Amino acid sequence: MNFEKLQVWKRAARLSADLYKSFRDSRDFGFRDQITRSGLSIPSNIAEGMSRSSNKEKRRFLDIARGSCAELRTQVYIGIEIGYIEQKQGRQWLVETRELSAMLHSLIDTLNCE
């Protein structure tokens, strides 16, 4: 399965690019680096996992991507709370991370059935 054709990978890559654009001028380097790294981890682990030969390895990397969604969601909550992320934008990112996590869960379930 080509990861570049997966909607979950496309959406995760777009989210990662949005994060980089939104935080490019942030002077809080620790927060900026952490939130962009967790965002980048999602599509990267999808790509790596789907490029593996066994379903067990694919599931492992997809599970790591799900964990990165949870990590990113936590950072978005904190970013909203400390005023780094506007409420409207933050809510959009929270919804997107929840949907990505659900999509990854479904993909993992599909691999479990094969």
Protein backbone atom coordinates (compact mmCIF):
# COMPACT_ATOMS: atom_id res chain seq x y z
CA MET A 1 0.00 0.00 0.00
CA ASN A 2 1.50 3.33 -1.09
CA PHE A 3 1.45 5.73 1.87
CA GLU A 4 1.23 8.74 -0.46
CA LYS A 5 -2.25 7.64 -1.53
CA LEU A 6 -3.57 7.38 2.03
CA GLN A 7 -5.86 10.21 3.13
CA VAL A 8 -4.57 9.88 6.68
CA TRP A 9 -1.00 10.55 5.50
CA LYS A 10 -2.08 13.49 3.31
CA ARG A 11 -4.00 15.11 6.14
CA ALA A 12 -1.21 14.51 8.65
CA ALA A 13 1.35 16.03 6.27
CA ARG A 14 -0.87 19.10 5.80
CA LEU A 15 -1.27 19.45 9.55
CA SER A 16 2.48 19.25 10.02
CA ALA A 17 3.05 21.95 7.39
CA ASP A 18 0.41 24.15 9.07
CA LEU A 19 2.17 23.80 12.41
CA TYR A 20 5.52 24.78 10.92
CA LYS A 21 3.98 27.82 9.25
CA SER A 22 2.14 28.87 12.40
CA PHE A 23 5.17 28.63 14.67
CA ARG A 24 7.95 29.78 12.35
CA ASP A 25 8.21 33.15 14.13
CA SER A 26 7.82 31.80 17.67
CA ARG A 27 10.67 32.75 19.97
CA ASP A 28 9.83 30.01 22.43
CA PHE A 29 12.16 27.56 20.77
CA GLY A 30 11.42 24.70 23.15
CA PHE A 31 7.67 24.83 22.60
CA ARG A 32 8.02 25.46 18.87
CA ASP A 33 10.43 22.55 18.41
CA GLN A 34 8.33 20.17 20.49
CA ILE A 35 5.01 20.91 18.77
CA THR A 36 6.49 20.82 15.27
CA ARG A 37 8.36 17.58 16.05
CA SER A 38 5.26 15.80 17.31
CA GLY A 39 3.31 17.05 14.28
CA LEU A 40 6.05 15.88 11.91
CA SER A 41 6.19 12.51 13.62
CA ILE A 42 2.64 11.62 12.54
CA PRO A 43 3.07 11.53 8.73
CA SER A 44 6.66 10.34 9.07
CA ASN A 45 5.66 7.25 11.06
CA ILE A 46 2.76 6.55 8.71
CA ALA A 47 5.18 6.64 5.78
CA GLU A 48 7.77 4.48 7.51
CA GLY A 49 5.22 1.97 8.73
CA MET A 50 3.46 1.56 5.42
CA SER A 51 6.83 1.00 3.77
CA ARG A 52 7.55 -2.01 6.00
CA SER A 53 6.97 -5.52 4.73
CA SER A 54 5.13 -7.12 7.64
CA ASN A 55 1.76 -6.09 9.04
CA LYS A 56 3.22 -6.33 12.54
CA GLU A 57 5.81 -3.64 11.72
CA LYS A 58 3.21 -1.52 9.93
CA ARG A 59 0.94 -1.64 12.98
CA ARG A 60 3.81 -0.70 15.29
CA PHE A 61 4.63 2.47 13.34
CA LEU A 62 0.96 3.39 12.94
CA ASP A 63 0.57 3.00 16.70
CA ILE A 64 3.54 5.35 17.20
CA ALA A 65 1.80 7.84 14.86
CA ARG A 66 -1.33 7.58 17.05
CA GLY A 67 0.79 8.31 20.09
CA SER A 68 2.19 11.37 18.35
CA CYS A 69 -1.39 12.54 17.71
CA ALA A 70 -2.06 12.36 21.44
CA GLU A 71 1.20 14.16 22.18
CA LEU A 72 0.34 16.90 19.69
CA ARG A 73 -3.18 17.23 21.08
CA THR A 74 -1.72 17.74 24.56
CA GLN A 75 0.62 20.44 23.27
CA VAL A 76 -2.26 22.19 21.50
CA TYR A 77 -4.27 22.24 24.74
CA ILE A 78 -1.30 23.75 26.55
CA GLY A 79 -0.63 26.21 23.71
CA ILE A 80 -4.22 27.44 23.93
CA GLU A 81 -3.99 27.75 27.70
CA ILE A 82 -0.80 29.83 27.61
CA GLY A 83 -1.95 32.00 24.73
CA TYR A 84 0.38 30.69 22.03
CA ILE A 85 -2.50 29.28 19.98
CA GLU A 86 -5.74 31.11 19.23
CA GLN A 87 -8.89 29.29 20.39
CA LYS A 88 -10.36 28.84 16.90
CA GLN A 89 -7.14 27.48 15.41
CA GLY A 90 -6.55 25.27 18.42
CA ARG A 91 -10.03 23.75 18.20
CA GLN A 92 -9.43 22.95 14.52
CA TRP A 93 -6.15 21.21 15.35
CA LEU A 94 -7.77 19.29 18.20
CA VAL A 95 -10.51 18.02 15.87
CA GLU A 96 -7.94 17.11 13.22
CA THR A 97 -5.78 15.13 15.67
CA ARG A 98 -8.84 13.23 16.92
CA GLU A 99 -9.89 12.41 13.35
CA LEU A 100 -6.36 11.36 12.39
CA SER A 101 -6.20 9.11 15.45
CA ALA A 102 -9.51 7.48 14.49
CA MET A 103 -8.31 7.00 10.91
CA LEU A 104 -5.10 5.39 12.17
CA HIS A 105 -7.10 3.12 14.47
CA SER A 106 -9.20 1.97 11.50
CA LEU A 107 -6.11 1.37 9.39
CA ILE A 108 -4.55 -0.69 12.19
CA ASP A 109 -7.76 -2.71 12.47
CA THR A 110 -7.66 -3.35 8.73
CA LEU A 111 -4.10 -4.64 9.00
CA ASN A 112 -5.14 -6.90 11.89
CA CYS A 113 -7.69 -8.56 9.59
CA GLU A 114 -5.22 -9.32 6.82
